[in-house]
PDB file of N, CA and C in Angstrom:
ATOM      1  N   MET A   1     -15.981   9.332 -46.152  1.00  0.00           N
ATOM      2  CA  MET A   1     -16.423   8.719 -47.240  1.00  0.00           C
ATOM      3  C   MET A   1     -16.578   7.129 -47.110  1.00  0.00           C
ATOM      4  N   ALA A   2     -17.612   6.472 -47.202  1.00  0.00           N
ATOM      5  CA  ALA A   2     -17.796   5.231 -46.809  1.00  0.00           C
ATOM      6  C   ALA A   2     -17.070   4.216 -47.869  1.00  0.00           C
ATOM      7  N   SER A   3     -16.544   3.023 -47.418  1.00  0.00           N
ATOM      8  CA  SER A   3     -15.838   2.262 -48.306  1.00  0.00           C
ATOM      9  C   SER A   3     -16.825   1.437 -48.978  1.00  0.00           C
ATOM     10  N   THR A   4     -16.498   0.739 -50.050  1.00  0.00           N
ATOM     11  CA  THR A   4     -17.360  -0.206 -50.846  1.00  0.00           C
ATOM     12  C   THR A   4     -16.921  -1.529 -50.540  1.00  0.00           C
ATOM     13  N   MET A   5     -17.872  -2.414 -50.045  1.00  0.00           N
ATOM     14  CA  MET A   5     -17.508  -3.696 -49.644  1.00  0.00           C
ATOM     15  C   MET A   5     -18.139  -4.690 -50.742  1.00  0.00           C
ATOM     16  N   SER A   6     -17.441  -5.713 -50.844  1.00  0.00           N
ATOM     17  CA  SER A   6     -17.836  -6.826 -51.822  1.00  0.00           C
ATOM     18  C   SER A   6     -19.236  -7.420 -51.284  1.00  0.00           C
ATOM     19  N   GLU A   7     -19.911  -8.197 -52.162  1.00  0.00           N
ATOM     20  CA  GLU A   7     -21.052  -8.774 -51.626  1.00  0.00           C
ATOM     21  C   GLU A   7     -20.809  -9.749 -50.574  1.00  0.00           C
ATOM     22  N   THR A   8     -19.705 -10.565 -50.832  1.00  0.00           N
ATOM     23  CA  THR A   8     -19.326 -11.557 -49.881  1.00  0.00           C
ATOM     24  C   THR A   8     -19.036 -10.858 -48.406  1.00  0.00           C
ATOM     25  N   GLU A   9     -18.347  -9.695 -48.462  1.00  0.00           N
ATOM     26  CA  GLU A   9     -18.112  -9.060 -47.186  1.00  0.00           C
ATOM     27  C   GLU A   9     -19.352  -8.538 -46.468  1.00  0.00           C
ATOM     28  N   ILE A  10     -20.397  -8.074 -47.338  1.00  0.00           N
ATOM     29  CA  ILE A  10     -21.544  -7.565 -46.777  1.00  0.00           C
ATOM     30  C   ILE A  10     -22.364  -8.881 -46.143  1.00  0.00           C
ATOM     31  N   TYR A  11     -22.350  -9.959 -46.806  1.00  0.00           N
ATOM     32  CA  TYR A  11     -23.021 -10.982 -46.334  1.00  0.00           C
ATOM     33  C   TYR A  11     -22.368 -11.647 -44.972  1.00  0.00           C
ATOM     34  N   ALA A  12     -21.001 -11.516 -45.051  1.00  0.00           N
ATOM     35  CA  ALA A  12     -20.305 -11.946 -43.832  1.00  0.00           C
ATOM     36  C   ALA A  12     -20.651 -10.999 -42.607  1.00  0.00           C
ATOM     37  N   GLN A  13     -20.850  -9.726 -42.902  1.00  0.00           N
ATOM     38  CA  GLN A  13     -21.134  -8.768 -41.762  1.00  0.00           C
ATOM     39  C   GLN A  13     -22.635  -8.978 -41.227  1.00  0.00           C
ATOM     40  N   LEU A  14     -23.541  -9.211 -42.332  1.00  0.00           N
ATOM     41  CA  LEU A  14     -24.853  -9.288 -42.096  1.00  0.00           C
ATOM     42  C   LEU A  14     -25.122 -10.623 -41.365  1.00  0.00           C
ATOM     43  N   THR A  15     -24.250 -11.635 -41.701  1.00  0.00           N
ATOM     44  CA  THR A  15     -24.420 -12.891 -40.866  1.00  0.00           C
ATOM     45  C   THR A  15     -24.216 -12.659 -39.361  1.00  0.00           C
ATOM     46  N   GLU A  16     -23.191 -11.893 -39.010  1.00  0.00           N
ATOM     47  CA  GLU A  16     -22.820 -11.444 -37.521  1.00  0.00           C
ATOM     48  C   GLU A  16     -24.106 -10.724 -36.885  1.00  0.00           C
ATOM     49  N   ILE A  17     -24.667  -9.838 -37.898  1.00  0.00           N
ATOM     50  CA  ILE A  17     -25.891  -8.888 -37.331  1.00  0.00           C
ATOM     51  C   ILE A  17     -26.962  -9.743 -37.069  1.00  0.00           C
ATOM     52  N   PHE A  18     -27.320 -10.702 -38.102  1.00  0.00           N
ATOM     53  CA  PHE A  18     -28.518 -11.420 -38.053  1.00  0.00           C
ATOM     54  C   PHE A  18     -28.410 -12.405 -36.824  1.00  0.00           C
ATOM     55  N   ARG A  19     -27.202 -13.059 -36.610  1.00  0.00           N
ATOM     56  CA  ARG A  19     -27.094 -13.900 -35.594  1.00  0.00           C
ATOM     57  C   ARG A  19     -27.254 -13.326 -34.118  1.00  0.00           C
ATOM     58  N   ASP A  20     -26.774 -11.914 -34.021  1.00  0.00           N
ATOM     59  CA  ASP A  20     -26.991 -11.214 -32.836  1.00  0.00           C
ATOM     60  C   ASP A  20     -28.384 -10.758 -32.501  1.00  0.00           C
ATOM     61  N   VAL A  21     -28.986 -10.243 -33.832  1.00  0.00           N
ATOM     62  CA  VAL A  21     -30.412  -9.757 -33.460  1.00  0.00           C
ATOM     63  C   VAL A  21     -31.244 -10.932 -33.286  1.00  0.00           C
ATOM     64  N   PHE A  22     -31.281 -11.948 -33.818  1.00  0.00           N
ATOM     65  CA  PHE A  22     -32.165 -13.198 -33.727  1.00  0.00           C
ATOM     66  C   PHE A  22     -31.659 -14.207 -32.756  1.00  0.00           C
ATOM     67  N   ASP A  23     -30.484 -13.884 -32.153  1.00  0.00           N
ATOM     68  CA  ASP A  23     -29.891 -14.738 -31.179  1.00  0.00           C
ATOM     69  C   ASP A  23     -29.936 -16.305 -31.411  1.00  0.00           C
ATOM     70  N   ASP A  24     -29.399 -16.539 -32.795  1.00  0.00           N
ATOM     71  CA  ASP A  24     -29.258 -17.728 -33.388  1.00  0.00           C
ATOM     72  C   ASP A  24     -28.064 -17.852 -34.106  1.00  0.00           C
ATOM     73  N   ASP A  25     -27.121 -18.741 -33.459  1.00  0.00           N
ATOM     74  CA  ASP A  25     -25.607 -18.805 -34.071  1.00  0.00           C
ATOM     75  C   ASP A  25     -25.616 -19.518 -35.297  1.00  0.00           C
ATOM     76  N   ASP A  26     -26.745 -20.291 -35.712  1.00  0.00           N
ATOM     77  CA  ASP A  26     -26.720 -21.050 -36.930  1.00  0.00           C
ATOM     78  C   ASP A  26     -27.309 -20.395 -38.061  1.00  0.00           C
ATOM     79  N   LEU A  27     -27.808 -19.145 -37.877  1.00  0.00           N
ATOM     80  CA  LEU A  27     -28.475 -18.252 -38.920  1.00  0.00           C
ATOM     81  C   LEU A  27     -27.476 -17.732 -39.830  1.00  0.00           C
ATOM     82  N   THR A  28     -27.870 -18.002 -41.157  1.00  0.00           N
ATOM     83  CA  THR A  28     -26.897 -17.568 -42.190  1.00  0.00           C
ATOM     84  C   THR A  28     -27.911 -16.855 -43.264  1.00  0.00           C
ATOM     85  N   PRO A  29     -27.761 -15.565 -43.443  1.00  0.00           N
ATOM     86  CA  PRO A  29     -28.722 -14.808 -44.409  1.00  0.00           C
ATOM     87  C   PRO A  29     -28.246 -15.236 -45.796  1.00  0.00           C
ATOM     88  N   VAL A  30     -29.179 -15.506 -46.707  1.00  0.00           N
ATOM     89  CA  VAL A  30     -28.907 -15.744 -48.109  1.00  0.00           C
ATOM     90  C   VAL A  30     -29.874 -14.651 -48.878  1.00  0.00           C
ATOM     91  N   PRO A  31     -29.598 -14.655 -50.070  1.00  0.00           N
ATOM     92  CA  PRO A  31     -30.421 -13.478 -51.016  1.00  0.00           C
ATOM     93  C   PRO A  31     -31.912 -13.800 -50.927  1.00  0.00           C
ATOM     94  N   THR A  32     -32.343 -15.042 -50.875  1.00  0.00           N
ATOM     95  CA  THR A  32     -33.894 -15.237 -51.000  1.00  0.00           C
ATOM     96  C   THR A  32     -34.455 -15.338 -49.594  1.00  0.00           C
ATOM     97  N   MET A  33     -33.785 -15.049 -48.550  1.00  0.00           N
ATOM     98  CA  MET A  33     -34.377 -15.130 -47.153  1.00  0.00           C
ATOM     99  C   MET A  33     -35.412 -14.114 -47.082  1.00  0.00           C
ATOM    100  N   VAL A  34     -36.526 -14.343 -46.389  1.00  0.00           N
ATOM    101  CA  VAL A  34     -37.482 -13.478 -46.119  1.00  0.00           C
ATOM    102  C   VAL A  34     -37.774 -13.504 -44.610  1.00  0.00           C
ATOM    103  N   ALA A  35     -38.472 -12.474 -43.980  1.00  0.00           N
ATOM    104  CA  ALA A  35     -38.894 -12.653 -42.619  1.00  0.00           C
ATOM    105  C   ALA A  35     -39.525 -13.936 -42.133  1.00  0.00           C
ATOM    106  N   ALA A  36     -40.463 -14.425 -43.090  1.00  0.00           N
ATOM    107  CA  ALA A  36     -41.201 -15.585 -42.701  1.00  0.00           C
ATOM    108  C   ALA A  36     -40.225 -16.751 -42.476  1.00  0.00           C
ATOM    109  N   ASP A  37     -39.104 -16.654 -43.070  1.00  0.00           N
ATOM    110  CA  ASP A  37     -38.045 -17.808 -42.922  1.00  0.00           C
ATOM    111  C   ASP A  37     -37.533 -17.814 -41.458  1.00  0.00           C
ATOM    112  N   VAL A  38     -37.648 -16.752 -40.738  1.00  0.00           N
ATOM    113  CA  VAL A  38     -36.926 -16.768 -39.395  1.00  0.00           C
ATOM    114  C   VAL A  38     -38.060 -16.387 -38.319  1.00  0.00           C
ATOM    115  N   GLU A  39     -38.182 -17.572 -37.505  1.00  0.00           N
ATOM    116  CA  GLU A  39     -39.238 -17.606 -36.532  1.00  0.00           C
ATOM    117  C   GLU A  39     -39.445 -16.286 -35.693  1.00  0.00           C
ATOM    118  N   GLU A  40     -38.204 -15.816 -35.262  1.00  0.00           N
ATOM    119  CA  GLU A  40     -38.202 -14.611 -34.395  1.00  0.00           C
ATOM    120  C   GLU A  40     -38.242 -13.244 -35.216  1.00  0.00           C
ATOM    121  N   TRP A  41     -38.436 -13.205 -36.461  1.00  0.00           N
ATOM    122  CA  TRP A  41     -38.325 -12.039 -37.141  1.00  0.00           C
ATOM    123  C   TRP A  41     -39.740 -11.519 -37.278  1.00  0.00           C
ATOM    124  N   ASP A  42     -40.038 -10.549 -36.337  1.00  0.00           N
ATOM    125  CA  ASP A  42     -41.223  -9.735 -36.184  1.00  0.00           C
ATOM    126  C   ASP A  42     -40.961  -8.311 -36.331  1.00  0.00           C
ATOM    127  N   SER A  43     -41.976  -7.440 -36.336  1.00  0.00           N
ATOM    128  CA  SER A  43     -41.770  -6.049 -36.663  1.00  0.00           C
ATOM    129  C   SER A  43     -40.733  -5.461 -35.526  1.00  0.00           C
ATOM    130  N   LEU A  44     -40.777  -5.809 -34.309  1.00  0.00           N
ATOM    131  CA  LEU A  44     -39.797  -5.287 -33.423  1.00  0.00           C
ATOM    132  C   LEU A  44     -38.469  -5.578 -33.826  1.00  0.00           C
ATOM    133  N   SER A  45     -38.154  -6.896 -34.011  1.00  0.00           N
ATOM    134  CA  SER A  45     -36.729  -7.358 -34.405  1.00  0.00           C
ATOM    135  C   SER A  45     -36.407  -6.897 -35.672  1.00  0.00           C
ATOM    136  N   HIS A  46     -37.471  -6.558 -36.582  1.00  0.00           N
ATOM    137  CA  HIS A  46     -37.031  -5.968 -37.881  1.00  0.00           C
ATOM    138  C   HIS A  46     -36.463  -4.521 -37.708  1.00  0.00           C
ATOM    139  N   ILE A  47     -36.927  -3.815 -36.810  1.00  0.00           N
ATOM    140  CA  ILE A  47     -36.586  -2.389 -36.420  1.00  0.00           C
ATOM    141  C   ILE A  47     -35.099  -2.605 -35.964  1.00  0.00           C
ATOM    142  N   ARG A  48     -34.981  -3.422 -34.999  1.00  0.00           N
ATOM    143  CA  ARG A  48     -33.705  -3.626 -34.405  1.00  0.00           C
ATOM    144  C   ARG A  48     -32.703  -4.043 -35.498  1.00  0.00           C
ATOM    145  N   LEU A  49     -33.090  -4.985 -36.409  1.00  0.00           N
ATOM    146  CA  LEU A  49     -32.241  -5.349 -37.424  1.00  0.00           C
ATOM    147  C   LEU A  49     -31.715  -4.273 -38.331  1.00  0.00           C
ATOM    148  N   MET A  50     -32.779  -3.385 -38.734  1.00  0.00           N
ATOM    149  CA  MET A  50     -32.347  -2.391 -39.609  1.00  0.00           C
ATOM    150  C   MET A  50     -31.429  -1.211 -38.850  1.00  0.00           C
ATOM    151  N   LEU A  51     -31.687  -1.051 -37.620  1.00  0.00           N
ATOM    152  CA  LEU A  51     -30.831  -0.082 -36.955  1.00  0.00           C
ATOM    153  C   LEU A  51     -29.420  -0.614 -36.811  1.00  0.00           C
ATOM    154  N   SER A  52     -29.355  -1.987 -36.500  1.00  0.00           N
ATOM    155  CA  SER A  52     -28.089  -2.589 -36.384  1.00  0.00           C
ATOM    156  C   SER A  52     -27.323  -2.523 -37.647  1.00  0.00           C
ATOM    157  N   VAL A  53     -27.989  -2.829 -38.999  1.00  0.00           N
ATOM    158  CA  VAL A  53     -27.334  -2.782 -40.142  1.00  0.00           C
ATOM    159  C   VAL A  53     -26.833  -1.313 -40.380  1.00  0.00           C
ATOM    160  N   GLU A  54     -27.731  -0.425 -40.178  1.00  0.00           N
ATOM    161  CA  GLU A  54     -27.345   1.088 -40.394  1.00  0.00           C
ATOM    162  C   GLU A  54     -25.973   1.546 -39.489  1.00  0.00           C
ATOM    163  N   LYS A  55     -25.978   0.977 -38.442  1.00  0.00           N
ATOM    164  CA  LYS A  55     -24.780   1.422 -37.460  1.00  0.00           C
ATOM    165  C   LYS A  55     -23.554   0.434 -38.086  1.00  0.00           C
ATOM    166  N   ALA A  56     -23.726  -0.643 -38.274  1.00  0.00           N
ATOM    167  CA  ALA A  56     -22.614  -1.421 -38.822  1.00  0.00           C
ATOM    168  C   ALA A  56     -22.024  -1.079 -40.116  1.00  0.00           C
ATOM    169  N   PHE A  57     -22.844  -0.620 -40.957  1.00  0.00           N
ATOM    170  CA  PHE A  57     -22.343  -0.217 -42.225  1.00  0.00           C
ATOM    171  C   PHE A  57     -22.126   1.481 -42.401  1.00  0.00           C
ATOM    172  N   GLY A  58     -22.418   2.174 -41.223  1.00  0.00           N
ATOM    173  CA  GLY A  58     -22.535   3.663 -41.321  1.00  0.00           C
ATOM    174  C   GLY A  58     -23.412   4.118 -42.436  1.00  0.00           C
ATOM    175  N   LEU A  59     -24.587   3.732 -42.517  1.00  0.00           N
ATOM    176  CA  LEU A  59     -25.576   4.043 -43.527  1.00  0.00           C
ATOM    177  C   LEU A  59     -26.897   4.580 -42.747  1.00  0.00           C
ATOM    178  N   ARG A  60     -27.621   5.383 -43.612  1.00  0.00           N
ATOM    179  CA  ARG A  60     -29.005   5.506 -43.042  1.00  0.00           C
ATOM    180  C   ARG A  60     -29.974   5.271 -44.169  1.00  0.00           C
ATOM    181  N   PHE A  61     -31.048   4.517 -43.728  1.00  0.00           N
ATOM    182  CA  PHE A  61     -32.133   4.099 -44.721  1.00  0.00           C
ATOM    183  C   PHE A  61     -33.255   5.032 -44.553  1.00  0.00           C
ATOM    184  N   SER A  62     -34.023   5.409 -45.443  1.00  0.00           N
ATOM    185  CA  SER A  62     -35.289   5.989 -45.310  1.00  0.00           C
ATOM    186  C   SER A  62     -36.273   4.992 -45.155  1.00  0.00           C
ATOM    187  N   THR A  63     -37.423   5.373 -44.633  1.00  0.00           N
ATOM    188  CA  THR A  63     -38.711   4.582 -44.527  1.00  0.00           C
ATOM    189  C   THR A  63     -39.171   3.927 -45.765  1.00  0.00           C
ATOM    190  N   VAL A  64     -39.095   4.753 -46.852  1.00  0.00           N
ATOM    191  CA  VAL A  64     -39.469   4.202 -48.211  1.00  0.00           C
ATOM    192  C   VAL A  64     -38.428   2.989 -48.653  1.00  0.00           C
ATOM    193  N   GLU A  65     -37.164   3.211 -48.347  1.00  0.00           N
ATOM    194  CA  GLU A  65     -36.186   2.267 -48.755  1.00  0.00           C
ATOM    195  C   GLU A  65     -36.423   0.907 -47.873  1.00  0.00           C
ATOM    196  N   VAL A  66     -36.432   1.097 -46.679  1.00  0.00           N
ATOM    197  CA  VAL A  66     -36.899  -0.097 -45.770  1.00  0.00           C
ATOM    198  C   VAL A  66     -38.083  -0.868 -46.079  1.00  0.00           C
ATOM    199  N   GLY A  67     -39.222  -0.091 -46.462  1.00  0.00           N
ATOM    200  CA  GLY A  67     -40.467  -0.593 -46.885  1.00  0.00           C
ATOM    201  C   GLY A  67     -40.507  -1.303 -48.120  1.00  0.00           C
ATOM    202  N   SER A  68     -39.586  -0.911 -48.927  1.00  0.00           N
ATOM    203  CA  SER A  68     -39.284  -1.628 -50.234  1.00  0.00           C
ATOM    204  C   SER A  68     -38.528  -3.016 -50.262  1.00  0.00           C
ATOM    205  N   LEU A  69     -37.967  -3.186 -49.140  1.00  0.00           N
ATOM    206  CA  LEU A  69     -36.957  -4.558 -48.954  1.00  0.00           C
ATOM    207  C   LEU A  69     -38.078  -5.704 -48.871  1.00  0.00           C
ATOM    208  N   LYS A  70     -37.894  -6.695 -49.838  1.00  0.00           N
ATOM    209  CA  LYS A  70     -38.781  -7.860 -49.728  1.00  0.00           C
ATOM    210  C   LYS A  70     -38.071  -9.235 -49.110  1.00  0.00           C
ATOM    211  N   GLN A  71     -36.615  -9.186 -49.576  1.00  0.00           N
ATOM    212  CA  GLN A  71     -35.861 -10.261 -49.207  1.00  0.00           C
ATOM    213  C   GLN A  71     -34.418  -9.799 -48.972  1.00  0.00           C
ATOM    214  N   VAL A  72     -33.598 -10.606 -48.198  1.00  0.00           N
ATOM    215  CA  VAL A  72     -32.215 -10.103 -47.860  1.00  0.00           C
ATOM    216  C   VAL A  72     -31.414  -9.582 -48.922  1.00  0.00           C
ATOM    217  N   GLY A  73     -31.543 -10.243 -50.202  1.00  0.00           N
ATOM    218  CA  GLY A  73     -30.915  -9.789 -51.316  1.00  0.00           C
ATOM    219  C   GLY A  73     -31.282  -8.252 -51.776  1.00  0.00           C
ATOM    220  N   ASP A  74     -32.364  -7.884 -51.463  1.00  0.00           N
ATOM    221  CA  ASP A  74     -32.749  -6.456 -51.619  1.00  0.00           C
ATOM    222  C   ASP A  74     -32.010  -5.622 -50.697  1.00  0.00           C
ATOM    223  N   LEU A  75     -31.691  -6.149 -49.479  1.00  0.00           N
ATOM    224  CA  LEU A  75     -31.099  -5.318 -48.363  1.00  0.00           C
ATOM    225  C   LEU A  75     -29.541  -5.235 -48.733  1.00  0.00           C
ATOM    226  N   VAL A  76     -29.038  -6.218 -49.361  1.00  0.00           N
ATOM    227  CA  VAL A  76     -27.594  -6.237 -49.782  1.00  0.00           C
ATOM    228  C   VAL A  76     -27.416  -5.223 -51.002  1.00  0.00           C
ATOM    229  N   ALA A  77     -28.477  -5.448 -51.920  1.00  0.00           N
ATOM    230  CA  ALA A  77     -28.381  -4.380 -52.996  1.00  0.00           C
ATOM    231  C   ALA A  77     -28.457  -2.962 -52.668  1.00  0.00           C
ATOM    232  N   LEU A  78     -29.323  -2.702 -51.529  1.00  0.00           N
ATOM    233  CA  LEU A  78     -29.464  -1.193 -50.941  1.00  0.00           C
ATOM    234  C   LEU A  78     -28.179  -0.969 -50.465  1.00  0.00           C
ATOM    235  N   ILE A  79     -27.586  -1.743 -49.652  1.00  0.00           N
ATOM    236  CA  ILE A  79     -26.414  -1.437 -48.879  1.00  0.00           C
ATOM    237  C   ILE A  79     -25.275  -1.001 -49.904  1.00  0.00           C
ATOM    238  N   GLN A  80     -25.194  -1.894 -51.091  1.00  0.00           N
ATOM    239  CA  GLN A  80     -24.165  -1.630 -52.050  1.00  0.00           C
ATOM    240  C   GLN A  80     -24.435  -0.272 -52.809  1.00  0.00           C
ATOM    241  N   SER A  81     -25.778   0.133 -53.086  1.00  0.00           N
ATOM    242  CA  SER A  81     -26.044   1.183 -53.719  1.00  0.00           C
ATOM    243  C   SER A  81     -25.689   2.480 -52.841  1.00  0.00           C
ATOM    244  N   LYS A  82     -26.028   2.256 -51.519  1.00  0.00           N
ATOM    245  CA  LYS A  82     -25.604   3.425 -50.615  1.00  0.00           C
ATOM    246  C   LYS A  82     -24.097   3.622 -50.438  1.00  0.00           C
ATOM    247  N   GLN A  83     -23.406   2.520 -50.447  1.00  0.00           N
ATOM    248  CA  GLN A  83     -21.860   2.562 -50.348  1.00  0.00           C
ATOM    249  C   GLN A  83     -21.265   3.243 -51.718  1.00  0.00           C
ATOM    250  N   ALA A  84     -21.889   2.856 -52.841  1.00  0.00           N
ATOM    251  CA  ALA A  84     -21.370   3.239 -54.086  1.00  0.00           C
ATOM    252  C   ALA A  84     -21.641   4.999 -54.144  1.00  0.00           C
ATOM    253  N   ALA A  85     -22.783   5.395 -53.560  1.00  0.00           N
ATOM    254  CA  ALA A  85     -23.254   6.645 -53.557  1.00  0.00           C
ATOM    255  C   ALA A  85     -22.421   7.513 -52.564  1.00  0.00           C
ATOM    256  N   GLY A  86     -21.657   6.858 -51.746  1.00  0.00           N
ATOM    257  CA  GLY A  86     -20.620   7.348 -50.841  1.00  0.00           C
ATOM    258  C   GLY A  86     -21.156   8.510 -50.000  1.00  0.00           C
TER     259      GLY A  86
END
């Protein structure tokens, strides 16, 4: 059973993942961040990001779920909903 994390804990873990995937130690994801805000965020890095998030949080996202994400806040909401569903 997956544990439920607070939004703050999720953002802390996402910060580590974003910094690793985009190789930018100053990158801090915020709810309104979109791919266009990060120069290196292309389709390939997006796949790497999603796989890293799935692995880190022990979750699986469907193609429809990933396709519906518009900003980082949507990703956090999806993580929370998946954790709550357990």
